[in-house]
Amino acid sequence: MREVLDAKHDALGLEVLNPEVGLEGATDDADITSPGLALAGHVARVPGGRLWVFGETEMTYLATLGDEEARRRLAAFFEFEIPGVFVTKSQAVPEYFLERATRRRIAVLRSSATTKAFYRRIKPFLETALAPTTTLHGSLADVFGVGLLFVGESGVGKSECVLDLVERGHRLVADDLVLVRQTGNDVLMGRGHELQRHHMEIRGVGIIDVMALFGVTAIRQQKRIEVVVHLEMWEHDGHYSRTGLDHEVHHIMGVPIPKVTVPLNPGKNVTVISEVVAMNHLLRYSGVDSAEAFDRRLRQYLEQDYE
């Protein structure tokens, strides 16, 4: 609750109505809803641990019940695990409401926003703040608008590849440590640690500041991870895709991400290959799969040749 108050105090016009309770209530549920039927006495399906919103409909309904009945209904509702309650539209909050909430150590915050505006502003904040997160070892770059996550063994050349991409006009998002947040069902947003500030470690050179060297246009704060580029040293007996028909997938937090494995050997221009990976992804996104189109034409030619 304290994080909500600090982040949305001005945007939602929030004020604490029972400060003696404190704002230590916490939730891991991004859903925030109105009590609805729970105020009518049907509390069988009230989920615990959720934030609740009392709009004009709920408050006027309580007013029709009379103080004693309203106390009883609220007492039953507040028996559940409730980290906090919001009252919208700067409505007056009866003493019995605050008394019951305070007795249960439930913080009550009042917002000057209308109920509709309150939901519109609070939902994206909660979904972002409570989204699943993880950390990955790798480097993330924006190449032609495509988020390429470079992974591989330490020292394989991930940072050097991204640095070369930056020198060619692309943008660094994070190096070495990538913080990943899942938004929605299948969107993974990556960013760097706030202390990292777009610095990179280049072996033999040390720590460099990409923004200071290449300018503010060489960095961006976050980017969706769209393709995983796995860099590994060339192995003679390794199995590498020659046609691109076998699409690899890398799972991050259960979300499948297209994966490209690039074997490294002397003289290979990994930077150009990375640009091609990004452009090929854009082409596939537009509905054109070059490998499948070539395979289809080849099969049609062979079929005609046999006829």
C-alpha atoms as a PDB file:
ATOM      1  CA  MET A   1       0.000   0.000   0.000  1.00  0.00           C
ATOM      2  CA  ARG A   2       2.855   2.357   0.740  1.00  0.00           C
ATOM      3  CA  GLU A   3       4.260   1.811  -2.758  1.00  0.00           C
ATOM      4  CA  VAL A   4       0.864   2.595  -4.289  1.00  0.00           C
ATOM      5  CA  LEU A   5       0.565   5.783  -2.239  1.00  0.00           C
ATOM      6  CA  ASP A   6       4.070   6.941  -3.135  1.00  0.00           C
ATOM      7  CA  ALA A   7       3.678   6.211  -6.844  1.00  0.00           C
ATOM      8  CA  LYS A   8       0.085   7.370  -7.364  1.00  0.00           C
ATOM      9  CA  HIS A   9      -0.441  10.005  -4.681  1.00  0.00           C
ATOM     10  CA  ASP A  10      -0.752  12.890  -7.124  1.00  0.00           C
ATOM     11  CA  ALA A  11      -2.229  11.035 -10.108  1.00  0.00           C
ATOM     12  CA  LEU A  12      -5.119   9.642  -8.039  1.00  0.00           C
ATOM     13  CA  GLY A  13      -5.368  12.350  -5.382  1.00  0.00           C
ATOM     14  CA  LEU A  14      -4.898   9.812  -2.577  1.00  0.00           C
ATOM     15  CA  GLU A  15      -5.282  10.491   1.138  1.00  0.00           C
ATOM     16  CA  VAL A  16      -5.054   8.066   4.057  1.00  0.00           C
ATOM     17  CA  LEU A  17      -8.191   8.064   6.211  1.00  0.00           C
ATOM     18  CA  ASN A  18      -6.932   5.841   9.060  1.00  0.00           C
ATOM     19  CA  PRO A  19      -3.183   6.528   9.372  1.00  0.00           C
ATOM     20  CA  GLU A  20      -3.013   4.672  12.691  1.00  0.00           C
ATOM     21  CA  VAL A  21      -3.260   1.398  10.773  1.00  0.00           C
ATOM     22  CA  GLY A  22      -0.143   1.977   8.703  1.00  0.00           C
ATOM     23  CA  LEU A  23       0.476   1.056   5.084  1.00  0.00           C
ATOM     24  CA  GLU A  24       2.198  -2.286   5.500  1.00  0.00           C
ATOM     25  CA  GLY A  25      -0.524  -4.277   3.735  1.00  0.00           C
ATOM     26  CA  ALA A  26       0.869  -6.110   0.706  1.00  0.00           C
ATOM     27  CA  THR A  27      -0.616  -8.007  -2.211  1.00  0.00           C
ATOM     28  CA  ASP A  28       0.668 -10.162  -5.057  1.00  0.00           C
ATOM     29  CA  ASP A  29      -2.637 -10.008  -6.948  1.00  0.00           C
ATOM     30  CA  ALA A  30      -2.815  -7.393  -9.714  1.00  0.00           C
ATOM     31  CA  ASP A  31      -6.610  -7.714  -9.895  1.00  0.00           C
ATOM     32  CA  ILE A  32      -8.394  -4.902  -8.088  1.00  0.00           C
ATOM     33  CA  THR A  33     -12.169  -5.028  -8.011  1.00  0.00           C
ATOM     34  CA  SER A  34     -15.292  -3.802  -6.242  1.00  0.00           C
ATOM     35  CA  PRO A  35     -16.962  -5.922  -3.520  1.00  0.00           C
ATOM     36  CA  GLY A  36     -20.180  -6.372  -5.509  1.00  0.00           C
ATOM     37  CA  LEU A  37     -22.273  -9.222  -4.111  1.00  0.00           C
ATOM     38  CA  ALA A  38     -20.051  -9.489  -1.035  1.00  0.00           C
ATOM     39  CA  LEU A  39     -21.814  -6.450   0.424  1.00  0.00           C
ATOM     40  CA  ALA A  40     -25.141  -8.175  -0.176  1.00  0.00           C
ATOM     41  CA  GLY A  41     -24.011 -11.021   2.056  1.00  0.00           C
ATOM     42  CA  HIS A  42     -22.666 -13.479  -0.545  1.00  0.00           C
ATOM     43  CA  VAL A  43     -19.069 -13.873   0.644  1.00  0.00           C
ATOM     44  CA  ALA A  44     -18.487 -17.471  -0.445  1.00  0.00           C
ATOM     45  CA  ARG A  45     -16.244 -16.488  -3.357  1.00  0.00           C
ATOM     46  CA  VAL A  46     -14.385 -13.462  -1.969  1.00  0.00           C
ATOM     47  CA  PRO A  47     -10.680 -13.907  -2.803  1.00  0.00           C
ATOM     48  CA  GLY A  48      -8.255 -12.995  -0.048  1.00  0.00           C
ATOM     49  CA  GLY A  49      -5.187 -10.821  -0.493  1.00  0.00           C
ATOM     50  CA  ARG A  50      -6.783  -8.519  -3.060  1.00  0.00           C
ATOM     51  CA  LEU A  51      -7.210  -4.729  -3.058  1.00  0.00           C
ATOM     52  CA  TRP A  52     -10.804  -3.490  -3.179  1.00  0.00           C
ATOM     53  CA  VAL A  53     -12.480  -0.370  -4.550  1.00  0.00           C
ATOM     54  CA  PHE A  54     -15.616   1.184  -3.081  1.00  0.00           C
ATOM     55  CA  GLY A  55     -17.172   3.391  -5.719  1.00  0.00           C
ATOM     56  CA  GLU A  56     -20.326   5.469  -5.562  1.00  0.00           C
ATOM     57  CA  THR A  57     -22.499   2.394  -6.154  1.00  0.00           C
ATOM     58  CA  GLU A  58     -21.071   0.541  -3.140  1.00  0.00           C
ATOM     59  CA  MET A  59     -21.171   3.537  -0.809  1.00  0.00           C
ATOM     60  CA  THR A  60     -24.737   4.511  -1.696  1.00  0.00           C
ATOM     61  CA  TYR A  61     -25.794   0.882  -1.250  1.00  0.00           C
ATOM     62  CA  LEU A  62     -24.320   0.806   2.242  1.00  0.00           C
ATOM     63  CA  ALA A  63     -26.191   4.010   3.054  1.00  0.00           C
ATOM     64  CA  THR A  64     -29.519   2.331   2.220  1.00  0.00           C
ATOM     65  CA  LEU A  65     -28.905  -0.452   4.741  1.00  0.00           C
ATOM     66  CA  GLY A  66     -28.731   1.633   7.879  1.00  0.00           C
ATOM     67  CA  ASP A  67     -25.748   1.774  10.201  1.00  0.00           C
ATOM     68  CA  GLU A  68     -26.287  -1.520  12.052  1.00  0.00           C
ATOM     69  CA  GLU A  69     -26.871  -3.632   8.945  1.00  0.00           C
ATOM     70  CA  ALA A  70     -24.013  -1.914   7.122  1.00  0.00           C
ATOM     71  CA  ARG A  71     -21.726  -2.672  10.075  1.00  0.00           C
ATOM     72  CA  ARG A  72     -22.713  -6.332   9.925  1.00  0.00           C
ATOM     73  CA  ARG A  73     -22.118  -6.583   6.177  1.00  0.00           C
ATOM     74  CA  LEU A  74     -18.749  -4.849   6.411  1.00  0.00           C
ATOM     75  CA  ALA A  75     -17.733  -6.991   9.372  1.00  0.00           C
ATOM     76  CA  ALA A  76     -18.324 -10.131   7.315  1.00  0.00           C
ATOM     77  CA  PHE A  77     -16.467  -8.679   4.325  1.00  0.00           C
ATOM     78  CA  PHE A  78     -13.514  -7.397   6.344  1.00  0.00           C
ATOM     79  CA  GLU A  79     -12.984 -10.838   7.887  1.00  0.00           C
ATOM     80  CA  PHE A  80     -11.096 -11.764   4.731  1.00  0.00           C
ATOM     81  CA  GLU A  81      -7.433 -10.986   4.168  1.00  0.00           C
ATOM     82  CA  ILE A  82      -7.616  -7.477   2.732  1.00  0.00           C
ATOM     83  CA  PRO A  83      -4.407  -5.424   2.431  1.00  0.00           C
ATOM     84  CA  GLY A  84      -6.208  -2.185   1.611  1.00  0.00           C
ATOM     85  CA  VAL A  85      -9.396  -0.460   0.494  1.00  0.00           C
ATOM     86  CA  PHE A  86      -9.865   2.535  -1.796  1.00  0.00           C
ATOM     87  CA  VAL A  87     -12.863   4.861  -1.790  1.00  0.00           C
ATOM     88  CA  THR A  88     -13.201   6.856  -4.998  1.00  0.00           C
ATOM     89  CA  LYS A  89     -14.726  10.196  -6.000  1.00  0.00           C
ATOM     90  CA  SER A  90     -13.831  11.915  -2.692  1.00  0.00           C
ATOM     91  CA  GLN A  91     -16.893  10.359  -1.086  1.00  0.00           C
ATOM     92  CA  ALA A  92     -17.654  10.751   2.587  1.00  0.00           C
ATOM     93  CA  VAL A  93     -16.707   7.644   4.545  1.00  0.00           C
ATOM     94  CA  PRO A  94     -18.920   6.821   7.546  1.00  0.00           C
ATOM     95  CA  GLU A  95     -17.351   6.379  10.954  1.00  0.00           C
ATOM     96  CA  TYR A  96     -18.519   2.780  11.194  1.00  0.00           C
ATOM     97  CA  PHE A  97     -16.663   2.027   7.949  1.00  0.00           C
ATOM     98  CA  LEU A  98     -13.377   3.363   9.301  1.00  0.00           C
ATOM     99  CA  GLU A  99     -14.008   1.741  12.678  1.00  0.00           C
ATOM    100  CA  ARG A 100     -14.460  -1.720  11.176  1.00  0.00           C
ATOM    101  CA  ALA A 101     -11.495  -1.318   8.840  1.00  0.00           C
ATOM    102  CA  THR A 102      -9.216  -0.022  11.596  1.00  0.00           C
ATOM    103  CA  ARG A 103     -10.233  -2.875  13.898  1.00  0.00           C
ATOM    104  CA  ARG A 104      -9.098  -5.318  11.199  1.00  0.00           C
ATOM    105  CA  ARG A 105      -5.911  -3.284  10.507  1.00  0.00           C
ATOM    106  CA  ILE A 106      -7.047  -2.501   6.946  1.00  0.00           C
ATOM    107  CA  ALA A 107      -5.790   0.766   5.456  1.00  0.00           C
ATOM    108  CA  VAL A 108      -8.458   2.969   3.862  1.00  0.00           C
ATOM    109  CA  LEU A 109      -7.361   5.419   1.180  1.00  0.00           C
ATOM    110  CA  ARG A 110      -9.639   7.935  -0.505  1.00  0.00           C
ATOM    111  CA  SER A 111      -9.140   9.074  -4.099  1.00  0.00           C
ATOM    112  CA  SER A 112     -10.413  12.215  -5.774  1.00  0.00           C
ATOM    113  CA  ALA A 113     -10.613  10.378  -9.111  1.00  0.00           C
ATOM    114  CA  THR A 114     -13.825   8.923 -10.437  1.00  0.00           C
ATOM    115  CA  THR A 115     -14.146   5.154 -10.204  1.00  0.00           C
ATOM    116  CA  LYS A 116     -13.648   4.729 -13.952  1.00  0.00           C
ATOM    117  CA  ALA A 117     -10.538   6.923 -13.986  1.00  0.00           C
ATOM    118  CA  PHE A 118      -9.219   5.201 -10.853  1.00  0.00           C
ATOM    119  CA  TYR A 119      -9.368   1.761 -12.473  1.00  0.00           C
ATOM    120  CA  ARG A 120      -7.804   3.064 -15.688  1.00  0.00           C
ATOM    121  CA  ARG A 121      -4.821   4.510 -13.831  1.00  0.00           C
ATOM    122  CA  ILE A 122      -4.247   1.898 -11.134  1.00  0.00           C
ATOM    123  CA  LYS A 123      -4.534  -1.290 -13.196  1.00  0.00           C
ATOM    124  CA  PRO A 124      -1.462  -0.731 -15.443  1.00  0.00           C
ATOM    125  CA  PHE A 125       0.585   0.240 -12.379  1.00  0.00           C
ATOM    126  CA  LEU A 126      -0.371  -2.914 -10.455  1.00  0.00           C
ATOM    127  CA  GLU A 127       0.149  -5.181 -13.460  1.00  0.00           C
ATOM    128  CA  THR A 128       3.645  -3.756 -13.955  1.00  0.00           C
ATOM    129  CA  ALA A 129       4.607  -3.683 -10.276  1.00  0.00           C
ATOM    130  CA  LEU A 130       3.387  -7.246  -9.635  1.00  0.00           C
ATOM    131  CA  ALA A 131       4.462  -8.826 -12.918  1.00  0.00           C
ATOM    132  CA  PRO A 132       6.694 -11.938 -12.683  1.00  0.00           C
ATOM    133  CA  THR A 133      10.397 -11.108 -12.977  1.00  0.00           C
ATOM    134  CA  THR A 134      13.693 -12.903 -13.434  1.00  0.00           C
ATOM    135  CA  THR A 135      17.327 -12.108 -14.222  1.00  0.00           C
ATOM    136  CA  LEU A 136      19.352 -13.451 -17.134  1.00  0.00           C
ATOM    137  CA  HIS A 137      23.044 -13.495 -17.980  1.00  0.00           C
ATOM    138  CA  GLY A 138      23.355 -11.986 -21.422  1.00  0.00           C
ATOM    139  CA  SER A 139      23.302  -8.784 -23.450  1.00  0.00           C
ATOM    140  CA  LEU A 140      20.190  -7.151 -24.894  1.00  0.00           C
ATOM    141  CA  ALA A 141      20.235  -4.837 -27.920  1.00  0.00           C
ATOM    142  CA  ASP A 142      17.683  -3.107 -30.120  1.00  0.00           C
ATOM    143  CA  VAL A 143      18.574  -3.974 -33.709  1.00  0.00           C
ATOM    144  CA  PHE A 144      16.287  -2.471 -36.350  1.00  0.00           C
ATOM    145  CA  GLY A 145      13.573  -2.316 -33.697  1.00  0.00           C
ATOM    146  CA  VAL A 146      13.955  -6.002 -32.796  1.00  0.00           C
ATOM    147  CA  GLY A 147      15.051  -6.980 -29.291  1.00  0.00           C
ATOM    148  CA  LEU A 148      17.961  -9.428 -29.646  1.00  0.00           C
ATOM    149  CA  LEU A 149      19.060 -11.189 -26.459  1.00  0.00           C
ATOM    150  CA  PHE A 150      22.605 -12.514 -26.828  1.00  0.00           C
ATOM    151  CA  VAL A 151      23.388 -15.494 -24.600  1.00  0.00           C
ATOM    152  CA  GLY A 152      26.294 -17.901 -24.352  1.00  0.00           C
ATOM    153  CA  GLU A 153      29.215 -18.903 -22.192  1.00  0.00           C
ATOM    154  CA  SER A 154      31.135 -16.205 -20.379  1.00  0.00           C
ATOM    155  CA  GLY A 155      33.848 -14.735 -22.616  1.00  0.00           C
ATOM    156  CA  VAL A 156      32.296 -15.930 -25.875  1.00  0.00           C
ATOM    157  CA  GLY A 157      31.963 -12.339 -27.141  1.00  0.00           C
ATOM    158  CA  LYS A 158      28.410 -11.199 -26.336  1.00  0.00           C
ATOM    159  CA  SER A 159      29.416  -7.740 -25.170  1.00  0.00           C
ATOM    160  CA  GLU A 160      31.824  -7.223 -28.059  1.00  0.00           C
ATOM    161  CA  CYS A 161      29.103  -8.151 -30.554  1.00  0.00           C
ATOM    162  CA  VAL A 162      26.645  -5.682 -28.997  1.00  0.00           C
ATOM    163  CA  LEU A 163      29.326  -2.982 -28.888  1.00  0.00           C
ATOM    164  CA  ASP A 164      29.924  -3.459 -32.604  1.00  0.00           C
ATOM    165  CA  LEU A 165      26.173  -3.177 -33.196  1.00  0.00           C
ATOM    166  CA  VAL A 166      26.079   0.072 -31.233  1.00  0.00           C
ATOM    167  CA  GLU A 167      28.946   1.415 -33.344  1.00  0.00           C
ATOM    168  CA  ARG A 168      26.829   0.614 -36.432  1.00  0.00           C
ATOM    169  CA  GLY A 169      23.929   2.697 -35.111  1.00  0.00           C
ATOM    170  CA  HIS A 170      21.925   0.200 -33.087  1.00  0.00           C
ATOM    171  CA  ARG A 171      21.055   0.576 -29.407  1.00  0.00           C
ATOM    172  CA  LEU A 172      22.210  -1.044 -26.181  1.00  0.00           C
ATOM    173  CA  VAL A 173      19.573  -1.975 -23.610  1.00  0.00           C
ATOM    174  CA  ALA A 174      21.522  -4.025 -21.053  1.00  0.00           C
ATOM    175  CA  ASP A 175      24.849  -5.802 -20.817  1.00  0.00           C
ATOM    176  CA  ASP A 176      25.825  -8.817 -18.716  1.00  0.00           C
ATOM    177  CA  LEU A 177      22.753  -8.645 -16.423  1.00  0.00           C
ATOM    178  CA  VAL A 178      19.291  -8.375 -17.975  1.00  0.00           C
ATOM    179  CA  LEU A 179      16.255  -7.842 -15.758  1.00  0.00           C
ATOM    180  CA  VAL A 180      13.207  -9.432 -17.376  1.00  0.00           C
ATOM    181  CA  ARG A 181       9.591  -8.632 -16.553  1.00  0.00           C
ATOM    182  CA  GLN A 182       6.656 -10.558 -18.005  1.00  0.00           C
ATOM    183  CA  THR A 183       3.708  -8.397 -18.999  1.00  0.00           C
ATOM    184  CA  GLY A 184       0.536  -9.933 -20.314  1.00  0.00           C
ATOM    185  CA  ASN A 185       0.720 -13.570 -21.349  1.00  0.00           C
ATOM    186  CA  ASP A 186       3.738 -13.655 -23.657  1.00  0.00           C
ATOM    187  CA  VAL A 187       5.523 -10.297 -23.589  1.00  0.00           C
ATOM    188  CA  LEU A 188       8.960 -10.202 -21.962  1.00  0.00           C
ATOM    189  CA  MET A 189      10.451  -6.767 -21.368  1.00  0.00           C
ATOM    190  CA  GLY A 190      14.183  -6.557 -20.657  1.00  0.00           C
ATOM    191  CA  ARG A 191      16.151  -3.730 -19.079  1.00  0.00           C
ATOM    192  CA  GLY A 192      19.420  -3.149 -17.271  1.00  0.00           C
ATOM    193  CA  HIS A 193      19.973  -2.660 -13.556  1.00  0.00           C
ATOM    194  CA  GLU A 194      19.588   0.954 -12.470  1.00  0.00           C
ATOM    195  CA  LEU A 195      23.154   0.982 -11.112  1.00  0.00           C
ATOM    196  CA  GLN A 196      24.501  -0.306 -14.408  1.00  0.00           C
ATOM    197  CA  ARG A 197      23.462   2.800 -16.351  1.00  0.00           C
ATOM    198  CA  HIS A 198      24.371   1.391 -19.774  1.00  0.00           C
ATOM    199  CA  HIS A 199      27.921   0.546 -18.872  1.00  0.00           C
ATOM    200  CA  MET A 200      29.646  -2.393 -20.521  1.00  0.00           C
ATOM    201  CA  GLU A 201      32.611  -4.553 -19.606  1.00  0.00           C
ATOM    202  CA  ILE A 202      34.917  -5.112 -22.573  1.00  0.00           C
ATOM    203  CA  ARG A 203      37.644  -7.622 -21.801  1.00  0.00           C
ATOM    204  CA  GLY A 204      41.064  -6.050 -22.149  1.00  0.00           C
ATOM    205  CA  VAL A 205      39.619  -2.515 -22.075  1.00  0.00           C
ATOM    206  CA  GLY A 206      37.514  -2.438 -18.900  1.00  0.00           C
ATOM    207  CA  ILE A 207      34.265  -0.657 -18.050  1.00  0.00           C
ATOM    208  CA  ILE A 208      32.990   1.799 -20.664  1.00  0.00           C
ATOM    209  CA  ASP A 209      30.055   4.226 -20.644  1.00  0.00           C
ATOM    210  CA  VAL A 210      28.161   3.669 -23.897  1.00  0.00           C
ATOM    211  CA  MET A 211      26.053   6.823 -23.612  1.00  0.00           C
ATOM    212  CA  ALA A 212      29.112   9.008 -22.964  1.00  0.00           C
ATOM    213  CA  LEU A 213      30.988   7.484 -25.899  1.00  0.00           C
ATOM    214  CA  PHE A 214      28.215   7.185 -28.504  1.00  0.00           C
ATOM    215  CA  GLY A 215      25.498   9.565 -27.301  1.00  0.00           C
ATOM    216  CA  VAL A 216      22.012   9.192 -25.889  1.00  0.00           C
ATOM    217  CA  THR A 217      20.664   7.711 -29.140  1.00  0.00           C
ATOM    218  CA  ALA A 218      22.886   4.657 -28.621  1.00  0.00           C
ATOM    219  CA  ILE A 219      20.880   3.429 -25.629  1.00  0.00           C
ATOM    220  CA  ARG A 220      17.320   2.719 -24.606  1.00  0.00           C
ATOM    221  CA  GLN A 221      15.823   1.989 -21.216  1.00  0.00           C
ATOM    222  CA  GLN A 222      13.942  -1.213 -22.034  1.00  0.00           C
ATOM    223  CA  LYS A 223      13.015  -3.420 -24.973  1.00  0.00           C
ATOM    224  CA  ARG A 224      10.865  -6.439 -25.631  1.00  0.00           C
ATOM    225  CA  ILE A 225      12.876  -9.650 -26.011  1.00  0.00           C
ATOM    226  CA  GLU A 226      11.917 -11.044 -29.411  1.00  0.00           C
ATOM    227  CA  VAL A 227      14.800 -13.295 -30.516  1.00  0.00           C
ATOM    228  CA  VAL A 228      17.433 -15.178 -28.515  1.00  0.00           C
ATOM    229  CA  VAL A 229      20.821 -15.319 -30.261  1.00  0.00           C
ATOM    230  CA  HIS A 230      22.946 -18.098 -28.781  1.00  0.00           C
ATOM    231  CA  LEU A 231      26.645 -17.595 -29.460  1.00  0.00           C
ATOM    232  CA  GLU A 232      28.886 -20.624 -29.089  1.00  0.00           C
ATOM    233  CA  MET A 233      32.302 -21.703 -30.280  1.00  0.00           C
ATOM    234  CA  TRP A 234      32.303 -23.781 -33.463  1.00  0.00           C
ATOM    235  CA  GLU A 235      32.327 -27.526 -32.934  1.00  0.00           C
ATOM    236  CA  HIS A 236      33.186 -29.772 -35.864  1.00  0.00           C
ATOM    237  CA  ASP A 237      30.538 -32.314 -34.911  1.00  0.00           C
ATOM    238  CA  GLY A 238      27.976 -29.704 -33.852  1.00  0.00           C
ATOM    239  CA  HIS A 239      24.512 -29.669 -35.364  1.00  0.00           C
ATOM    240  CA  TYR A 240      23.713 -26.268 -36.860  1.00  0.00           C
ATOM    241  CA  SER A 241      20.778 -25.231 -38.994  1.00  0.00           C
ATOM    242  CA  ARG A 242      21.633 -24.960 -42.687  1.00  0.00           C
ATOM    243  CA  THR A 243      18.202 -24.128 -44.104  1.00  0.00           C
ATOM    244  CA  GLY A 244      16.361 -22.398 -41.265  1.00  0.00           C
ATOM    245  CA  LEU A 245      13.404 -24.765 -41.622  1.00  0.00           C
ATOM    246  CA  ASP A 246      13.883 -26.158 -38.125  1.00  0.00           C
ATOM    247  CA  HIS A 247      12.875 -23.306 -35.864  1.00  0.00           C
ATOM    248  CA  GLU A 248      14.517 -23.389 -32.428  1.00  0.00           C
ATOM    249  CA  VAL A 249      12.713 -22.075 -29.368  1.00  0.00           C
ATOM    250  CA  HIS A 250      14.100 -20.846 -26.061  1.00  0.00           C
ATOM    251  CA  HIS A 251      11.738 -20.642 -23.074  1.00  0.00           C
ATOM    252  CA  ILE A 252      12.025 -17.744 -20.647  1.00  0.00           C
ATOM    253  CA  MET A 253       9.567 -17.838 -17.736  1.00  0.00           C
ATOM    254  CA  GLY A 254       7.516 -20.288 -19.747  1.00  0.00           C
ATOM    255  CA  VAL A 255       7.273 -17.966 -22.761  1.00  0.00           C
ATOM    256  CA  PRO A 256       8.628 -19.435 -26.036  1.00  0.00           C
ATOM    257  CA  ILE A 257      11.065 -17.096 -27.797  1.00  0.00           C
ATOM    258  CA  PRO A 258      12.538 -17.804 -31.265  1.00  0.00           C
ATOM    259  CA  LYS A 259      16.176 -18.870 -30.950  1.00  0.00           C
ATOM    260  CA  VAL A 260      19.066 -18.716 -33.405  1.00  0.00           C
ATOM    261  CA  THR A 261      22.339 -20.517 -32.675  1.00  0.00           C
ATOM    262  CA  VAL A 262      25.381 -18.881 -34.257  1.00  0.00           C
ATOM    263  CA  PRO A 263      28.639 -20.887 -34.212  1.00  0.00           C
ATOM    264  CA  LEU A 264      31.742 -18.711 -33.928  1.00  0.00           C
ATOM    265  CA  ASN A 265      34.955 -19.250 -35.876  1.00  0.00           C
ATOM    266  CA  PRO A 266      37.732 -16.904 -37.041  1.00  0.00           C
ATOM    267  CA  GLY A 267      36.635 -14.398 -39.641  1.00  0.00           C
ATOM    268  CA  LYS A 268      32.899 -14.710 -39.091  1.00  0.00           C
ATOM    269  CA  ASN A 269      31.118 -11.346 -39.068  1.00  0.00           C
ATOM    270  CA  VAL A 270      28.733 -11.881 -36.169  1.00  0.00           C
ATOM    271  CA  THR A 271      27.528  -8.278 -36.281  1.00  0.00           C
ATOM    272  CA  VAL A 272      26.209  -8.544 -39.831  1.00  0.00           C
ATOM    273  CA  ILE A 273      24.705 -11.937 -39.024  1.00  0.00           C
ATOM    274  CA  SER A 274      22.914 -10.358 -36.056  1.00  0.00           C
ATOM    275  CA  GLU A 275      21.491  -7.658 -38.309  1.00  0.00           C
ATOM    276  CA  VAL A 276      20.281 -10.344 -40.701  1.00  0.00           C
ATOM    277  CA  VAL A 277      18.667 -12.217 -37.799  1.00  0.00           C
ATOM    278  CA  ALA A 278      16.749  -9.058 -36.872  1.00  0.00           C
ATOM    279  CA  MET A 279      15.701  -8.330 -40.464  1.00  0.00           C
ATOM    280  CA  ASN A 280      14.684 -11.947 -41.024  1.00  0.00           C
ATOM    281  CA  HIS A 281      12.529 -11.774 -37.892  1.00  0.00           C
ATOM    282  CA  LEU A 282      10.831  -8.654 -39.245  1.00  0.00           C
ATOM    283  CA  LEU A 283      10.276 -10.440 -42.545  1.00  0.00           C
ATOM    284  CA  ARG A 284       8.693 -13.427 -40.806  1.00  0.00           C
ATOM    285  CA  TYR A 285       6.559 -11.086 -38.718  1.00  0.00           C
ATOM    286  CA  SER A 286       5.205  -9.620 -41.946  1.00  0.00           C
ATOM    287  CA  GLY A 287       4.283 -13.127 -43.120  1.00  0.00           C
ATOM    288  CA  VAL A 288       7.289 -13.988 -45.297  1.00  0.00           C
ATOM    289  CA  ASP A 289       9.427 -17.012 -44.359  1.00  0.00           C
ATOM    290  CA  SER A 290      12.351 -17.156 -46.799  1.00  0.00           C
ATOM    291  CA  ALA A 291      13.367 -20.728 -45.913  1.00  0.00           C
ATOM    292  CA  GLU A 292       9.851 -22.094 -46.302  1.00  0.00           C
ATOM    293  CA  ALA A 293       9.330 -20.160 -49.553  1.00  0.00           C
ATOM    294  CA  PHE A 294      12.572 -21.561 -51.001  1.00  0.00           C
ATOM    295  CA  ASP A 295      11.677 -25.096 -49.885  1.00  0.00           C
ATOM    296  CA  ARG A 296       8.243 -24.772 -51.454  1.00  0.00           C
ATOM    297  CA  ARG A 297       9.652 -23.582 -54.792  1.00  0.00           C
ATOM    298  CA  LEU A 298      12.226 -26.393 -54.781  1.00  0.00           C
ATOM    299  CA  ARG A 299       9.572 -29.027 -54.154  1.00  0.00           C
ATOM    300  CA  GLN A 300       7.378 -27.617 -56.902  1.00  0.00           C
ATOM    301  CA  TYR A 301      10.335 -27.720 -59.336  1.00  0.00           C
ATOM    302  CA  LEU A 302      11.127 -31.329 -58.441  1.00  0.00           C
ATOM    303  CA  GLU A 303       7.503 -32.353 -58.808  1.00  0.00           C
ATOM    304  CA  GLN A 304       7.340 -30.752 -62.280  1.00  0.00           C
ATOM    305  CA  ASP A 305      10.599 -32.428 -63.258  1.00  0.00           C
ATOM    306  CA  TYR A 306       9.201 -35.878 -62.403  1.00  0.00           C
ATOM    307  CA  GLU A 307       5.962 -35.362 -64.342  1.00  0.00           C
END
